C-alpha atoms as a PDB file:
ATOM      1  CA  MET A   1     105.329 -10.880 -49.950  1.00  0.00           C
ATOM      2  CA  ASP A   2     101.924 -12.485 -49.247  1.00  0.00           C
ATOM      3  CA  PHE A   3     101.003 -14.188 -45.995  1.00  0.00           C
ATOM      4  CA  ASP A   4     101.273 -17.760 -47.341  1.00  0.00           C
ATOM      5  CA  GLU A   5     104.800 -17.138 -48.606  1.00  0.00           C
ATOM      6  CA  LEU A   6     105.813 -15.561 -45.308  1.00  0.00           C
ATOM      7  CA  LYS A   7     104.382 -18.564 -43.463  1.00  0.00           C
ATOM      8  CA  ARG A   8     106.254 -20.972 -45.778  1.00  0.00           C
ATOM      9  CA  ARG A   9     109.583 -19.238 -45.246  1.00  0.00           C
ATOM     10  CA  SER A  10     109.178 -18.954 -41.486  1.00  0.00           C
ATOM     11  CA  SER A  11     108.508 -22.703 -41.255  1.00  0.00           C
ATOM     12  CA  PHE A  12     112.197 -23.332 -42.016  1.00  0.00           C
ATOM     13  CA  SER A  13     113.259 -21.556 -38.841  1.00  0.00           C
ATOM     14  CA  HIS A  14     110.606 -22.973 -36.530  1.00  0.00           C
ATOM     15  CA  SER A  15     110.769 -26.230 -34.576  1.00  0.00           C
ATOM     16  CA  SER A  16     108.110 -27.647 -32.282  1.00  0.00           C
ATOM     17  CA  GLU A  17     108.524 -27.673 -28.530  1.00  0.00           C
ATOM     18  CA  LYS A  18     110.674 -30.380 -26.974  1.00  0.00           C
ATOM     19  CA  ASN A  19     108.990 -33.749 -26.273  1.00  0.00           C
ATOM     20  CA  THR A  20     106.197 -33.125 -28.777  1.00  0.00           C
ATOM     21  CA  ARG A  21     104.975 -36.460 -30.189  1.00  0.00           C
ATOM     22  CA  TYR A  22     106.399 -37.308 -33.612  1.00  0.00           C
ATOM     23  CA  ILE A  23     102.983 -37.679 -35.276  1.00  0.00           C
ATOM     24  CA  THR A  24     101.931 -34.310 -33.813  1.00  0.00           C
ATOM     25  CA  ARG A  25     105.004 -32.632 -35.296  1.00  0.00           C
ATOM     26  CA  ILE A  26     104.345 -34.294 -38.659  1.00  0.00           C
ATOM     27  CA  MET A  27     100.671 -33.348 -38.862  1.00  0.00           C
ATOM     28  CA  ASP A  28     101.452 -29.815 -37.711  1.00  0.00           C
ATOM     29  CA  ALA A  29     104.053 -29.487 -40.482  1.00  0.00           C
ATOM     30  CA  VAL A  30     101.766 -30.744 -43.285  1.00  0.00           C
ATOM     31  CA  ALA A  31      98.554 -29.074 -42.052  1.00  0.00           C
ATOM     32  CA  GLY A  32      96.590 -27.474 -44.874  1.00  0.00           C
ATOM     33  CA  SER A  33      98.653 -29.101 -47.640  1.00  0.00           C
ATOM     34  CA  HIS A  34      97.557 -31.806 -50.086  1.00  0.00           C
ATOM     35  CA  ASN A  35      99.576 -34.385 -48.143  1.00  0.00           C
ATOM     36  CA  GLY A  36      98.079 -33.176 -44.902  1.00  0.00           C
ATOM     37  CA  LEU A  37      94.516 -33.639 -46.166  1.00  0.00           C
ATOM     38  CA  ILE A  38      95.237 -37.166 -47.419  1.00  0.00           C
ATOM     39  CA  MET A  39      96.908 -38.163 -44.161  1.00  0.00           C
ATOM     40  CA  GLU A  40      94.117 -36.644 -42.068  1.00  0.00           C
ATOM     41  CA  THR A  41      91.548 -38.611 -44.065  1.00  0.00           C
ATOM     42  CA  CYS A  42      93.510 -41.790 -43.381  1.00  0.00           C
ATOM     43  CA  ALA A  43      93.758 -40.987 -39.671  1.00  0.00           C
ATOM     44  CA  ASP A  44      89.969 -40.460 -39.560  1.00  0.00           C
ATOM     45  CA  GLY A  45      89.329 -43.951 -40.988  1.00  0.00           C
ATOM     46  CA  GLY A  46      89.074 -43.026 -44.675  1.00  0.00           C
ATOM     47  CA  SER A  47      91.232 -44.081 -47.622  1.00  0.00           C
ATOM     48  CA  LYS A  48      94.723 -45.208 -46.623  1.00  0.00           C
ATOM     49  CA  CYS A  49      97.459 -42.693 -47.343  1.00  0.00           C
ATOM     50  CA  GLY A  50     100.258 -45.294 -47.523  1.00  0.00           C
ATOM     51  CA  SER A  51     102.798 -42.869 -46.053  1.00  0.00           C
ATOM     52  CA  ILE A  52     105.594 -44.090 -43.788  1.00  0.00           C
ATOM     53  CA  TYR A  53     104.938 -40.918 -41.787  1.00  0.00           C
ATOM     54  CA  CYS A  54     101.512 -42.294 -40.865  1.00  0.00           C
ATOM     55  CA  ASP A  55     101.881 -44.750 -37.975  1.00  0.00           C
ATOM     56  CA  GLU A  56      99.240 -47.200 -39.195  1.00  0.00           C
ATOM     57  CA  CYS A  57     100.450 -47.269 -42.794  1.00  0.00           C
ATOM     58  CA  ARG A  58     104.115 -47.545 -41.785  1.00  0.00           C
ATOM     59  CA  HIS A  59     103.377 -50.470 -39.477  1.00  0.00           C
ATOM     60  CA  ARG A  60     101.402 -52.156 -42.262  1.00  0.00           C
ATOM     61  CA  LYS A  61     104.407 -51.886 -44.589  1.00  0.00           C
ATOM     62  CA  GLN A  62     106.732 -53.228 -41.901  1.00  0.00           C
ATOM     63  CA  ARG A  63     104.464 -56.226 -41.245  1.00  0.00           C
ATOM     64  CA  SER A  64     104.200 -56.928 -44.981  1.00  0.00           C
ATOM     65  CA  MET A  65     107.979 -56.818 -45.385  1.00  0.00           C
ATOM     66  CA  LEU A  66     108.441 -59.121 -42.390  1.00  0.00           C
ATOM     67  CA  TYR A  67     106.007 -61.591 -43.967  1.00  0.00           C
ATOM     68  CA  ARG A  68     108.059 -61.571 -47.189  1.00  0.00           C
ATOM     69  CA  PHE A  69     111.298 -62.150 -45.264  1.00  0.00           C
ATOM     70  CA  LYS A  70     109.789 -65.080 -43.378  1.00  0.00           C
ATOM     71  CA  GLN A  71     108.191 -66.508 -46.513  1.00  0.00           C
ATOM     72  CA  HIS A  72     111.516 -66.487 -48.376  1.00  0.00           C
ATOM     73  CA  TYR A  73     113.266 -68.044 -45.387  1.00  0.00           C
ATOM     74  CA  LYS A  74     110.693 -70.844 -45.257  1.00  0.00           C
ATOM     75  CA  GLU A  75     110.166 -71.536 -48.958  1.00  0.00           C
ATOM     76  CA  GLU A  76     113.577 -70.833 -50.512  1.00  0.00           C
ATOM     77  CA  LEU A  77     115.903 -71.540 -47.583  1.00  0.00           C
ATOM     78  CA  ASN A  78     113.874 -74.368 -46.024  1.00  0.00           C
ATOM     79  CA  SER A  79     113.945 -72.582 -42.640  1.00  0.00           C
ATOM     80  CA  ASP A  80     117.614 -73.597 -42.463  1.00  0.00           C
ATOM     81  CA  GLU A  81     119.324 -70.981 -40.296  1.00  0.00           C
ATOM     82  CA  THR A  82     122.837 -72.095 -41.270  1.00  0.00           C
ATOM     83  CA  LEU A  83     122.009 -71.772 -44.973  1.00  0.00           C
ATOM     84  CA  ALA A  84     120.262 -68.444 -44.387  1.00  0.00           C
ATOM     85  CA  ARG A  85     123.269 -66.962 -42.606  1.00  0.00           C
ATOM     86  CA  LYS A  86     125.480 -68.187 -45.431  1.00  0.00           C
ATOM     87  CA  ARG A  87     123.404 -66.570 -48.180  1.00  0.00           C
ATOM     88  CA  LEU A  88     121.578 -63.574 -46.700  1.00  0.00           C
ATOM     89  CA  ARG A  89     123.214 -60.149 -46.543  1.00  0.00           C
ATOM     90  CA  TRP A  90     122.024 -56.771 -45.281  1.00  0.00           C
ATOM     91  CA  VAL A  91     122.956 -54.163 -47.883  1.00  0.00           C
ATOM     92  CA  SER A  92     122.916 -50.356 -47.691  1.00  0.00           C
ATOM     93  CA  VAL A  93     123.597 -48.287 -50.820  1.00  0.00           C
ATOM     94  CA  LEU A  94     124.076 -44.513 -50.993  1.00  0.00           C
ATOM     95  CA  HIS A  95     122.864 -43.588 -54.471  1.00  0.00           C
ATOM     96  CA  ASN A  96     122.902 -39.818 -54.765  1.00  0.00           C
ATOM     97  CA  VAL A  97     122.438 -36.463 -53.070  1.00  0.00           C
ATOM     98  CA  VAL A  98     119.895 -33.858 -54.134  1.00  0.00           C
ATOM     99  CA  GLU A  99     120.396 -30.212 -53.222  1.00  0.00           C
ATOM    100  CA  ILE A 100     117.521 -28.763 -51.213  1.00  0.00           C
ATOM    101  CA  ASN A 101     116.387 -25.417 -52.600  1.00  0.00           C
ATOM    102  CA  ILE A 102     113.671 -23.638 -50.626  1.00  0.00           C
ATOM    103  CA  LYS A 103     113.957 -20.082 -51.978  1.00  0.00           C
ATOM    104  CA  THR A 104     110.463 -20.240 -53.469  1.00  0.00           C
ATOM    105  CA  GLU A 105     107.561 -22.677 -53.458  1.00  0.00           C
ATOM    106  CA  SER A 106     108.444 -23.552 -57.065  1.00  0.00           C
ATOM    107  CA  ASP A 107     111.984 -24.389 -55.940  1.00  0.00           C
ATOM    108  CA  GLU A 108     110.562 -26.723 -53.279  1.00  0.00           C
ATOM    109  CA  ILE A 109     108.508 -28.519 -55.920  1.00  0.00           C
ATOM    110  CA  GLU A 110     111.522 -28.825 -58.219  1.00  0.00           C
ATOM    111  CA  THR A 111     113.573 -30.247 -55.320  1.00  0.00           C
ATOM    112  CA  ILE A 112     110.938 -32.956 -54.804  1.00  0.00           C
ATOM    113  CA  ASN A 113     110.887 -33.668 -58.558  1.00  0.00           C
ATOM    114  CA  ASN A 114     114.677 -34.052 -58.484  1.00  0.00           C
ATOM    115  CA  VAL A 115     114.364 -36.547 -55.638  1.00  0.00           C
ATOM    116  CA  CYS A 116     111.856 -38.568 -57.674  1.00  0.00           C
ATOM    117  CA  ARG A 117     114.207 -38.554 -60.662  1.00  0.00           C
ATOM    118  CA  SER A 118     117.094 -39.710 -58.474  1.00  0.00           C
ATOM    119  CA  VAL A 119     114.988 -42.578 -57.104  1.00  0.00           C
ATOM    120  CA  GLU A 120     114.020 -43.655 -60.632  1.00  0.00           C
ATOM    121  CA  GLU A 121     117.718 -43.663 -61.597  1.00  0.00           C
ATOM    122  CA  MET A 122     118.476 -45.833 -58.570  1.00  0.00           C
ATOM    123  CA  LYS A 123     115.694 -48.283 -59.407  1.00  0.00           C
ATOM    124  CA  SER A 124     116.948 -48.429 -62.980  1.00  0.00           C
ATOM    125  CA  GLN A 125     120.391 -49.433 -61.721  1.00  0.00           C
ATOM    126  CA  ILE A 126     118.829 -52.164 -59.576  1.00  0.00           C
ATOM    127  CA  SER A 127     116.861 -53.451 -62.597  1.00  0.00           C
ATOM    128  CA  LEU A 128     119.987 -53.491 -64.800  1.00  0.00           C
ATOM    129  CA  MET A 129     121.887 -55.336 -62.069  1.00  0.00           C
ATOM    130  CA  ALA A 130     119.091 -57.900 -61.771  1.00  0.00           C
ATOM    131  CA  LYS A 131     119.045 -58.396 -65.530  1.00  0.00           C
ATOM    132  CA  LYS A 132     122.804 -58.903 -65.763  1.00  0.00           C
ATOM    133  CA  TYR A 133     122.834 -61.452 -62.923  1.00  0.00           C
ATOM    134  CA  ASN A 134     119.456 -63.072 -63.573  1.00  0.00           C
ATOM    135  CA  ASP A 135     120.979 -66.566 -63.595  1.00  0.00           C
ATOM    136  CA  LYS A 136     122.443 -66.284 -60.068  1.00  0.00           C
ATOM    137  CA  GLY A 137     119.257 -66.770 -58.055  1.00  0.00           C
ATOM    138  CA  LEU A 138     119.281 -63.267 -56.570  1.00  0.00           C
ATOM    139  CA  TRP A 139     116.423 -62.115 -54.345  1.00  0.00           C
ATOM    140  CA  LEU A 140     116.139 -58.650 -52.807  1.00  0.00           C
ATOM    141  CA  ARG A 141     113.552 -56.853 -50.714  1.00  0.00           C
ATOM    142  CA  GLY A 142     114.035 -53.454 -49.119  1.00  0.00           C
ATOM    143  CA  GLY A 143     113.005 -49.854 -48.654  1.00  0.00           C
ATOM    144  CA  ILE A 144     114.132 -46.479 -49.950  1.00  0.00           C
ATOM    145  CA  HIS A 145     115.227 -43.812 -47.489  1.00  0.00           C
ATOM    146  CA  ILE A 146     115.196 -40.116 -48.369  1.00  0.00           C
ATOM    147  CA  GLU A 147     117.063 -38.407 -45.535  1.00  0.00           C
ATOM    148  CA  ILE A 148     117.648 -34.701 -45.013  1.00  0.00           C
ATOM    149  CA  VAL A 149     121.301 -33.985 -44.223  1.00  0.00           C
ATOM    150  CA  ASP A 150     122.307 -30.793 -42.433  1.00  0.00           C
ATOM    151  CA  TYR A 151     125.612 -30.413 -44.246  1.00  0.00           C
ATOM    152  CA  LYS A 152     126.573 -27.093 -42.645  1.00  0.00           C
ATOM    153  CA  ALA A 153     126.831 -28.978 -39.324  1.00  0.00           C
ATOM    154  CA  PHE A 154     129.108 -31.503 -41.046  1.00  0.00           C
ATOM    155  CA  ARG A 155     131.395 -28.711 -42.266  1.00  0.00           C
ATOM    156  CA  THR A 156     131.613 -27.290 -38.765  1.00  0.00           C
ATOM    157  CA  ALA A 157     132.454 -30.713 -37.309  1.00  0.00           C
ATOM    158  CA  ALA A 158     135.207 -31.176 -39.912  1.00  0.00           C
ATOM    159  CA  GLU A 159     136.687 -27.772 -39.097  1.00  0.00           C
ATOM    160  CA  LEU A 160     136.726 -28.645 -35.385  1.00  0.00           C
ATOM    161  CA  GLY A 161     138.152 -32.126 -36.012  1.00  0.00           C
ATOM    162  CA  ILE A 162     135.208 -33.907 -34.357  1.00  0.00           C
ATOM    163  CA  SER A 163     133.577 -35.537 -37.378  1.00  0.00           C
ATOM    164  CA  THR A 164     131.614 -38.737 -36.833  1.00  0.00           C
ATOM    165  CA  ILE A 165     131.929 -41.754 -39.134  1.00  0.00           C
ATOM    166  CA  LYS A 166     128.770 -40.658 -40.929  1.00  0.00           C
ATOM    167  CA  GLU A 167     130.012 -37.100 -41.382  1.00  0.00           C
ATOM    168  CA  LYS A 168     133.342 -38.272 -42.828  1.00  0.00           C
ATOM    169  CA  THR A 169     131.608 -40.700 -45.186  1.00  0.00           C
ATOM    170  CA  LEU A 170     129.023 -38.221 -46.432  1.00  0.00           C
ATOM    171  CA  THR A 171     131.570 -35.404 -46.777  1.00  0.00           C
ATOM    172  CA  SER A 172     133.561 -37.594 -49.156  1.00  0.00           C
ATOM    173  CA  PHE A 173     130.404 -38.720 -50.937  1.00  0.00           C
ATOM    174  CA  ILE A 174     128.894 -35.235 -51.348  1.00  0.00           C
ATOM    175  CA  GLN A 175     132.164 -33.720 -52.540  1.00  0.00           C
ATOM    176  CA  ARG A 176     132.419 -36.356 -55.263  1.00  0.00           C
ATOM    177  CA  MET A 177     128.768 -36.216 -56.295  1.00  0.00           C
ATOM    178  CA  THR A 178     128.196 -32.455 -56.509  1.00  0.00           C
ATOM    179  CA  ASN A 179     129.939 -29.087 -56.601  1.00  0.00           C
ATOM    180  CA  SER A 180     127.075 -27.515 -54.669  1.00  0.00           C
ATOM    181  CA  GLN A 181     127.802 -25.499 -51.549  1.00  0.00           C
ATOM    182  CA  ALA A 182     124.254 -25.944 -50.263  1.00  0.00           C
ATOM    183  CA  ASP A 183     123.630 -26.277 -46.531  1.00  0.00           C
ATOM    184  CA  TYR A 184     121.036 -29.047 -46.861  1.00  0.00           C
ATOM    185  CA  PHE A 185     120.755 -32.126 -49.088  1.00  0.00           C
ATOM    186  CA  PHE A 186     118.473 -35.089 -49.526  1.00  0.00           C
ATOM    187  CA  LEU A 187     120.484 -38.320 -49.284  1.00  0.00           C
ATOM    188  CA  VAL A 188     118.793 -40.873 -51.547  1.00  0.00           C
ATOM    189  CA  HIS A 189     119.654 -44.442 -50.520  1.00  0.00           C
ATOM    190  CA  PHE A 190     118.197 -47.858 -49.835  1.00  0.00           C
ATOM    191  CA  HIS A 191     118.495 -50.688 -47.327  1.00  0.00           C
ATOM    192  CA  ALA A 192     117.643 -54.255 -48.296  1.00  0.00           C
ATOM    193  CA  LEU A 193     117.874 -57.883 -47.295  1.00  0.00           C
ATOM    194  CA  VAL A 194     119.462 -59.794 -50.174  1.00  0.00           C
ATOM    195  CA  ASP A 195     119.806 -63.502 -50.898  1.00  0.00           C
ATOM    196  CA  MET A 196     123.093 -63.976 -52.798  1.00  0.00           C
ATOM    197  CA  GLY A 197     121.809 -67.176 -54.351  1.00  0.00           C
ATOM    198  CA  GLN A 198     124.707 -68.861 -56.155  1.00  0.00           C
ATOM    199  CA  MET A 199     127.161 -65.975 -55.683  1.00  0.00           C
ATOM    200  CA  ASN A 200     130.057 -65.806 -53.253  1.00  0.00           C
ATOM    201  CA  ASP A 201     130.854 -62.721 -51.174  1.00  0.00           C
ATOM    202  CA  GLY A 202     133.549 -61.450 -53.537  1.00  0.00           C
ATOM    203  CA  ALA A 203     131.376 -61.596 -56.644  1.00  0.00           C
ATOM    204  CA  PHE A 204     128.449 -60.148 -54.695  1.00  0.00           C
ATOM    205  CA  ALA A 205     130.492 -57.108 -53.614  1.00  0.00           C
ATOM    206  CA  ILE A 206     131.743 -56.559 -57.168  1.00  0.00           C
ATOM    207  CA  MET A 207     128.165 -56.651 -58.477  1.00  0.00           C
ATOM    208  CA  PHE A 208     127.278 -53.602 -56.367  1.00  0.00           C
ATOM    209  CA  ALA A 209     130.627 -51.847 -56.886  1.00  0.00           C
ATOM    210  CA  GLU A 210     130.082 -51.954 -60.651  1.00  0.00           C
ATOM    211  CA  ARG A 211     127.214 -49.481 -60.226  1.00  0.00           C
ATOM    212  CA  TRP A 212     127.941 -47.598 -57.008  1.00  0.00           C
ATOM    213  CA  ASN A 213     131.609 -46.681 -56.587  1.00  0.00           C
ATOM    214  CA  ALA A 214     131.790 -42.887 -56.282  1.00  0.00           C
ATOM    215  CA  ALA A 215     133.071 -42.866 -52.695  1.00  0.00           C
ATOM    216  CA  LEU A 216     134.339 -45.023 -49.857  1.00  0.00           C
ATOM    217  CA  ARG A 217     131.553 -46.884 -48.062  1.00  0.00           C
ATOM    218  CA  GLN A 218     129.003 -45.990 -50.702  1.00  0.00           C
ATOM    219  CA  VAL A 219     127.980 -49.640 -50.414  1.00  0.00           C
ATOM    220  CA  ASP A 220     127.912 -51.399 -47.054  1.00  0.00           C
ATOM    221  CA  ILE A 221     127.369 -55.173 -46.949  1.00  0.00           C
ATOM    222  CA  THR A 222     127.105 -57.151 -43.716  1.00  0.00           C
ATOM    223  CA  SER A 223     126.217 -60.689 -42.728  1.00  0.00           C
ATOM    224  CA  LEU A 224     123.343 -61.201 -40.321  1.00  0.00           C
ATOM    225  CA  TRP A 225     124.595 -60.675 -36.795  1.00  0.00           C
ATOM    226  CA  ASP A 226     125.317 -63.812 -34.779  1.00  0.00           C
ATOM    227  CA  GLU A 227     125.866 -61.843 -31.595  1.00  0.00           C
ATOM    228  CA  VAL A 228     125.361 -58.324 -30.283  1.00  0.00           C
ATOM    229  CA  ASN A 229     127.738 -56.896 -27.690  1.00  0.00           C
ATOM    230  CA  ALA A 230     125.130 -54.449 -26.430  1.00  0.00           C
ATOM    231  CA  ILE A 231     125.494 -51.408 -24.175  1.00  0.00           C
ATOM    232  CA  GLN A 232     123.290 -51.774 -21.109  1.00  0.00           C
ATOM    233  CA  TYR A 233     120.903 -49.079 -19.882  1.00  0.00           C
ATOM    234  CA  ASP A 234     119.334 -48.287 -16.530  1.00  0.00           C
ATOM    235  CA  TYR A 235     115.629 -47.726 -15.899  1.00  0.00           C
ATOM    236  CA  ASN A 236     115.980 -44.057 -16.833  1.00  0.00           C
ATOM    237  CA  GLY A 237     117.437 -44.892 -20.231  1.00  0.00           C
ATOM    238  CA  ASN A 238     120.982 -43.856 -19.319  1.00  0.00           C
ATOM    239  CA  ALA A 239     123.921 -45.959 -20.473  1.00  0.00           C
ATOM    240  CA  LYS A 240     125.620 -47.821 -17.643  1.00  0.00           C
ATOM    241  CA  LYS A 241     129.361 -47.361 -17.057  1.00  0.00           C
ATOM    242  CA  ASP A 242     131.835 -49.244 -14.871  1.00  0.00           C
ATOM    243  CA  GLU A 243     134.267 -47.769 -12.350  1.00  0.00           C
ATOM    244  CA  ASN A 244     136.715 -47.016 -15.194  1.00  0.00           C
ATOM    245  CA  GLY A 245     134.131 -45.009 -17.117  1.00  0.00           C
ATOM    246  CA  LYS A 246     133.687 -47.649 -19.801  1.00  0.00           C
ATOM    247  CA  TYR A 247     130.298 -48.719 -21.094  1.00  0.00           C
ATOM    248  CA  VAL A 248     128.835 -51.841 -19.511  1.00  0.00           C
ATOM    249  CA  ARG A 249     128.033 -54.357 -22.259  1.00  0.00           C
ATOM    250  CA  LYS A 250     126.331 -57.725 -22.421  1.00  0.00           C
ATOM    251  CA  LYS A 251     126.754 -60.318 -25.154  1.00  0.00           C
ATOM    252  CA  GLU A 252     123.442 -61.391 -26.614  1.00  0.00           C
ATOM    253  CA  LYS A 253     122.814 -64.007 -29.284  1.00  0.00           C
ATOM    254  CA  GLN A 254     120.908 -62.596 -32.236  1.00  0.00           C
ATOM    255  CA  LYS A 255     118.064 -64.914 -33.218  1.00  0.00           C
ATOM    256  CA  ILE A 256     117.403 -64.856 -36.939  1.00  0.00           C
ATOM    257  CA  GLU A 257     113.698 -64.169 -36.339  1.00  0.00           C
ATOM    258  CA  HIS A 258     114.653 -61.057 -34.358  1.00  0.00           C
ATOM    259  CA  ALA A 259     116.968 -59.993 -37.183  1.00  0.00           C
ATOM    260  CA  PHE A 260     114.094 -60.229 -39.672  1.00  0.00           C
ATOM    261  CA  ILE A 261     111.910 -58.040 -37.449  1.00  0.00           C
ATOM    262  CA  ALA A 262     114.636 -55.413 -37.009  1.00  0.00           C
ATOM    263  CA  MET A 263     115.412 -55.277 -40.736  1.00  0.00           C
ATOM    264  CA  ALA A 264     111.761 -55.106 -41.800  1.00  0.00           C
ATOM    265  CA  ASN A 265     111.152 -52.247 -39.365  1.00  0.00           C
ATOM    266  CA  TYR A 266     114.290 -50.431 -40.491  1.00  0.00           C
ATOM    267  CA  CYS A 267     113.295 -50.602 -44.173  1.00  0.00           C
ATOM    268  CA  PHE A 268     110.267 -48.416 -43.480  1.00  0.00           C
ATOM    269  CA  SER A 269     111.405 -46.317 -40.548  1.00  0.00           C
ATOM    270  CA  TYR A 270     111.542 -42.524 -40.669  1.00  0.00           C
ATOM    271  CA  SER A 271     114.387 -41.582 -43.021  1.00  0.00           C
ATOM    272  CA  ASN A 272     115.412 -39.049 -40.375  1.00  0.00           C
ATOM    273  CA  ASP A 273     115.306 -41.021 -37.136  1.00  0.00           C
ATOM    274  CA  LYS A 274     113.316 -39.211 -34.428  1.00  0.00           C
ATOM    275  CA  LEU A 275     112.799 -36.387 -36.970  1.00  0.00           C
ATOM    276  CA  GLN A 276     116.374 -35.208 -36.407  1.00  0.00           C
ATOM    277  CA  TYR A 277     119.348 -34.221 -38.536  1.00  0.00           C
ATOM    278  CA  ALA A 278     121.327 -37.288 -37.476  1.00  0.00           C
ATOM    279  CA  ARG A 279     125.088 -36.885 -37.092  1.00  0.00           C
ATOM    280  CA  ASN A 280     125.891 -40.582 -37.016  1.00  0.00           C
ATOM    281  CA  TRP A 281     124.764 -43.830 -38.613  1.00  0.00           C
ATOM    282  CA  SER A 282     122.019 -46.145 -37.368  1.00  0.00           C
ATOM    283  CA  HIS A 283     118.707 -45.595 -35.673  1.00  0.00           C
ATOM    284  CA  GLY A 284     118.353 -45.683 -31.913  1.00  0.00           C
ATOM    285  CA  LYS A 285     120.843 -44.705 -29.227  1.00  0.00           C
ATOM    286  CA  SER A 286     123.946 -46.739 -30.019  1.00  0.00           C
ATOM    287  CA  ILE A 287     126.692 -46.490 -32.622  1.00  0.00           C
ATOM    288  CA  THR A 288     127.359 -49.994 -33.906  1.00  0.00           C
ATOM    289  CA  GLU A 289     130.465 -51.462 -35.539  1.00  0.00           C
ATOM    290  CA  VAL A 290     130.412 -54.910 -37.112  1.00  0.00           C
ATOM    291  CA  ASP A 291     133.329 -57.349 -37.191  1.00  0.00           C
ATOM    292  CA  GLN A 292     133.805 -60.990 -38.050  1.00  0.00           C
ATOM    293  CA  GLU A 293     135.505 -63.501 -35.775  1.00  0.00           C
ATOM    294  CA  LEU A 294     136.640 -67.077 -36.328  1.00  0.00           C
ATOM    295  CA  ARG A 295     135.052 -69.251 -33.653  1.00  0.00           C
ATOM    296  CA  ASN A 296     135.306 -73.029 -33.564  1.00  0.00           C
ATOM    297  CA  GLY A 297     136.101 -73.095 -37.259  1.00  0.00           C
ATOM    298  CA  ASN A 298     133.135 -70.865 -38.177  1.00  0.00           C
ATOM    299  CA  ILE A 299     133.125 -67.182 -39.100  1.00  0.00           C
ATOM    300  CA  GLU A 300     130.608 -65.316 -36.939  1.00  0.00           C
ATOM    301  CA  THR A 301     129.447 -61.723 -37.292  1.00  0.00           C
ATOM    302  CA  ILE A 302     129.680 -59.719 -34.073  1.00  0.00           C
ATOM    303  CA  ALA A 303     127.995 -56.321 -33.697  1.00  0.00           C
ATOM    304  CA  THR A 304     129.447 -54.137 -30.945  1.00  0.00           C
ATOM    305  CA  HIS A 305     127.753 -51.023 -29.605  1.00  0.00           C
ATOM    306  CA  THR A 306     130.821 -48.777 -29.468  1.00  0.00           C
ATOM    307  CA  GLY A 307     129.236 -45.623 -28.135  1.00  0.00           C
ATOM    308  CA  ILE A 308     126.177 -43.401 -27.847  1.00  0.00           C
ATOM    309  CA  ARG A 309     124.971 -41.292 -30.743  1.00  0.00           C
ATOM    310  CA  LEU A 310     125.746 -37.622 -30.359  1.00  0.00           C
ATOM    311  CA  ASP A 311     122.771 -35.396 -29.746  1.00  0.00           C
ATOM    312  CA  SER A 312     121.269 -34.417 -33.079  1.00  0.00           C
ATOM    313  CA  THR A 313     119.243 -31.301 -33.740  1.00  0.00           C
ATOM    314  CA  ARG A 314     115.521 -31.450 -34.475  1.00  0.00           C
ATOM    315  CA  LEU A 315     114.122 -30.971 -37.961  1.00  0.00           C
ATOM    316  CA  ASN A 316     112.347 -27.666 -38.389  1.00  0.00           C
ATOM    317  CA  LYS A 317     108.715 -27.593 -39.507  1.00  0.00           C
ATOM    318  CA  GLY A 318     109.556 -26.735 -43.123  1.00  0.00           C
ATOM    319  CA  HIS A 319     111.987 -29.618 -43.500  1.00  0.00           C
ATOM    320  CA  ILE A 320     109.488 -32.054 -41.974  1.00  0.00           C
ATOM    321  CA  ARG A 321     106.937 -30.943 -44.560  1.00  0.00           C
ATOM    322  CA  LEU A 322     109.520 -31.322 -47.342  1.00  0.00           C
ATOM    323  CA  LEU A 323     110.589 -34.731 -46.032  1.00  0.00           C
ATOM    324  CA  VAL A 324     107.025 -36.056 -45.954  1.00  0.00           C
ATOM    325  CA  SER A 325     106.231 -34.551 -49.362  1.00  0.00           C
ATOM    326  CA  ALA A 326     109.297 -36.116 -50.996  1.00  0.00           C
ATOM    327  CA  SER A 327     108.640 -39.545 -49.459  1.00  0.00           C
ATOM    328  CA  ASN A 328     104.967 -39.503 -50.420  1.00  0.00           C
ATOM    329  CA  ALA A 329     105.793 -38.359 -53.963  1.00  0.00           C
ATOM    330  CA  VAL A 330     108.208 -41.281 -54.384  1.00  0.00           C
ATOM    331  CA  ASN A 331     105.717 -43.693 -52.834  1.00  0.00           C
ATOM    332  CA  GLY A 332     103.065 -42.667 -55.371  1.00  0.00           C
ATOM    333  CA  SER A 333      99.422 -43.641 -55.652  1.00  0.00           C
ATOM    334  CA  SER A 334     100.347 -47.348 -55.644  1.00  0.00           C
ATOM    335  CA  HIS A 335     101.930 -46.919 -52.174  1.00  0.00           C
ATOM    336  CA  LYS A 336     104.771 -49.170 -53.393  1.00  0.00           C
ATOM    337  CA  GLY A 337     107.181 -46.562 -54.749  1.00  0.00           C
ATOM    338  CA  ILE A 338     109.516 -46.649 -51.752  1.00  0.00           C
ATOM    339  CA  GLU A 339     110.033 -50.409 -52.075  1.00  0.00           C
ATOM    340  CA  VAL A 340     112.910 -52.059 -53.948  1.00  0.00           C
ATOM    341  CA  ARG A 341     112.903 -55.658 -55.069  1.00  0.00           C
ATOM    342  CA  ILE A 342     114.514 -58.350 -57.193  1.00  0.00           C
ATOM    343  CA  ASP A 343     112.670 -61.640 -57.661  1.00  0.00           C
END
């Protein structure tokens, strides 16, 4: 075994020291590779790499997506918040899982190629959906996430009876999508803001279910939040609790402009939040559940922070390299490959 191969294999058992900056961990993982050289050139003021794992390029994508959200709100919805809340939906779709094979460098490359093929299949389904419903006034803008799932941790949680919502959902999904007993998978999915146009909620849900129906919660559709029942934190970042040990919450109105910012940022966030193998849904600290309530004759969407995300383990150096490589391969030379859209 040559030195390069030994170094490649050892990268899958090595993680950086705690509290290392995310960008430092990323650049350390891709150092010496083709992606690393492109991203270093970008960081030094050269040609833009377009990667979401480059802070400047990710922020540029997020700002561009926010501009598109605001432009649609102004031009197609006349800046009418009531109309916007009636027609806009936040949609998440789990498309497929791709087994991660790292036995050899060739296997790594084939894994990335399989991810690219899965993404093309997903985009094809979106295009067919748009074509079938082209008279409904649909509009969609979003981003593709390619997340590494540590499935062996999910199996352990299931055996111990402590599975999170995410672990239960993905266990069902993975079991239906593949017979593989692999320990790690790429979860190929997308998040998007969608204008239903002339459709009602029932028809809108059916439109997605026609193409993605392999498992429960493969498609998640929510209205824009009217209110967030948010867990409160102290100055040290610790969740506050009352004398009964329950989380202290505060109801906060969700301005639509703030919703646009949050969704635009989420579309092009790290697929693995904080470069971790996440054991529960959502980015950030809190687990959120969404319900609808009838208030003064109107249905309002209330998001409640129900708990704190369980500690997740950190991605090793090899998986960070694979994650960046897969995302950059999908993004392509146009730097638009991780976007999804319907006009």
